[in-house]
Amino acid sequence: MTLLPERIKYLRQSKGLTQKESGEAVVYDQSRVAKWESGKLEPNSEALIALSEFFYVSIEYLFGLEDD
């Protein structure tokens, strides 16, 4: 199991953002962010890149392959 949903939620909350605000920052809607955070949907490669750039973390971090 991947840590991706938990990491996305943690990063969003650590910036004090709503799902809507986080989604708008990476050009996706709130419902998509909610599905990512619940694990119902995995971000595609473009979304993963956008998330990693927005939150200044690696894609490996998002998947729980590294902790920094």
C-alpha atoms as a PDB file:
ATOM      1  CA  MET A   1       0.000   0.000   0.000  1.00  0.00           C
ATOM      2  CA  THR A   2       1.207   3.448  -0.875  1.00  0.00           C
ATOM      3  CA  LEU A   3       1.308   6.418   1.436  1.00  0.00           C
ATOM      4  CA  LEU A   4       0.238   8.700  -1.391  1.00  0.00           C
ATOM      5  CA  PRO A   5      -3.254   9.610  -0.092  1.00  0.00           C
ATOM      6  CA  GLU A   6      -1.937  10.379   3.388  1.00  0.00           C
ATOM      7  CA  ARG A   7       0.998  12.402   2.067  1.00  0.00           C
ATOM      8  CA  ILE A   8      -1.203  14.534  -0.191  1.00  0.00           C
ATOM      9  CA  LYS A   9      -3.577  15.264   2.690  1.00  0.00           C
ATOM     10  CA  TYR A  10      -0.725  15.979   5.118  1.00  0.00           C
ATOM     11  CA  LEU A  11       0.986  18.386   2.720  1.00  0.00           C
ATOM     12  CA  ARG A  12      -2.262  20.203   1.986  1.00  0.00           C
ATOM     13  CA  GLN A  13      -3.148  20.556   5.652  1.00  0.00           C
ATOM     14  CA  SER A  14       0.375  21.625   6.598  1.00  0.00           C
ATOM     15  CA  LYS A  15      -0.049  24.610   4.254  1.00  0.00           C
ATOM     16  CA  GLY A  16      -3.475  25.356   5.730  1.00  0.00           C
ATOM     17  CA  LEU A  17      -5.222  24.806   2.409  1.00  0.00           C
ATOM     18  CA  THR A  18      -8.664  23.455   1.654  1.00  0.00           C
ATOM     19  CA  GLN A  19      -9.039  20.745  -0.948  1.00  0.00           C
ATOM     20  CA  LYS A  20     -10.426  23.373  -3.307  1.00  0.00           C
ATOM     21  CA  GLU A  21      -7.444  25.695  -2.820  1.00  0.00           C
ATOM     22  CA  SER A  22      -4.978  22.855  -3.212  1.00  0.00           C
ATOM     23  CA  GLY A  23      -6.692  21.638  -6.351  1.00  0.00           C
ATOM     24  CA  GLU A  24      -6.772  25.092  -7.880  1.00  0.00           C
ATOM     25  CA  ALA A  25      -3.042  25.456  -7.242  1.00  0.00           C
ATOM     26  CA  VAL A  26      -2.336  22.353  -9.332  1.00  0.00           C
ATOM     27  CA  VAL A  27      -5.180  22.959 -11.843  1.00  0.00           C
ATOM     28  CA  TYR A  28      -7.567  20.245 -10.634  1.00  0.00           C
ATOM     29  CA  ASP A  29     -10.931  20.501  -8.893  1.00  0.00           C
ATOM     30  CA  GLN A  30     -11.803  19.779  -5.272  1.00  0.00           C
ATOM     31  CA  SER A  31     -13.481  16.464  -6.043  1.00  0.00           C
ATOM     32  CA  ARG A  32     -10.307  15.152  -7.674  1.00  0.00           C
ATOM     33  CA  VAL A  33      -8.233  16.128  -4.617  1.00  0.00           C
ATOM     34  CA  ALA A  34     -10.793  14.426  -2.362  1.00  0.00           C
ATOM     35  CA  LYS A  35     -10.480  11.221  -4.404  1.00  0.00           C
ATOM     36  CA  TRP A  36      -6.669  11.381  -4.224  1.00  0.00           C
ATOM     37  CA  GLU A  37      -6.801  11.830  -0.454  1.00  0.00           C
ATOM     38  CA  SER A  38      -9.279   8.996   0.024  1.00  0.00           C
ATOM     39  CA  GLY A  39      -7.292   6.655  -2.206  1.00  0.00           C
ATOM     40  CA  LYS A  40     -10.189   6.226  -4.630  1.00  0.00           C
ATOM     41  CA  LEU A  41      -8.117   7.676  -7.466  1.00  0.00           C
ATOM     42  CA  GLU A  42      -4.392   7.993  -8.040  1.00  0.00           C
ATOM     43  CA  PRO A  43      -3.042  11.174  -9.626  1.00  0.00           C
ATOM     44  CA  ASN A  44      -1.779  10.783 -13.182  1.00  0.00           C
ATOM     45  CA  SER A  45       1.834  11.624 -14.008  1.00  0.00           C
ATOM     46  CA  GLU A  46       1.049  15.261 -14.807  1.00  0.00           C
ATOM     47  CA  ALA A  47      -0.757  15.698 -11.499  1.00  0.00           C
ATOM     48  CA  LEU A  48       2.082  14.026  -9.592  1.00  0.00           C
ATOM     49  CA  ILE A  49       4.561  16.449 -11.127  1.00  0.00           C
ATOM     50  CA  ALA A  50       2.308  19.407 -10.314  1.00  0.00           C
ATOM     51  CA  LEU A  51       1.878  18.229  -6.714  1.00  0.00           C
ATOM     52  CA  SER A  52       5.586  17.651  -6.202  1.00  0.00           C
ATOM     53  CA  GLU A  53       6.437  21.080  -7.619  1.00  0.00           C
ATOM     54  CA  PHE A  54       3.720  22.878  -5.650  1.00  0.00           C
ATOM     55  CA  PHE A  55       4.641  21.254  -2.332  1.00  0.00           C
ATOM     56  CA  TYR A  56       8.420  21.232  -3.024  1.00  0.00           C
ATOM     57  CA  VAL A  57       8.755  17.483  -2.465  1.00  0.00           C
ATOM     58  CA  SER A  58       9.899  14.608  -4.637  1.00  0.00           C
ATOM     59  CA  ILE A  59       7.534  12.143  -6.242  1.00  0.00           C
ATOM     60  CA  GLU A  60       9.337   9.471  -4.220  1.00  0.00           C
ATOM     61  CA  TYR A  61       8.277  11.326  -1.058  1.00  0.00           C
ATOM     62  CA  LEU A  62       4.665  11.417  -2.214  1.00  0.00           C
ATOM     63  CA  PHE A  63       4.684   7.633  -2.622  1.00  0.00           C
ATOM     64  CA  GLY A  64       6.387   7.084   0.732  1.00  0.00           C
ATOM     65  CA  LEU A  65       9.628   5.812  -0.794  1.00  0.00           C
ATOM     66  CA  GLU A  66      11.613   8.442   1.094  1.00  0.00           C
ATOM     67  CA  ASP A  67      10.875  10.494   4.186  1.00  0.00           C
ATOM     68  CA  ASP A  68      12.532  13.805   3.348  1.00  0.00           C
END
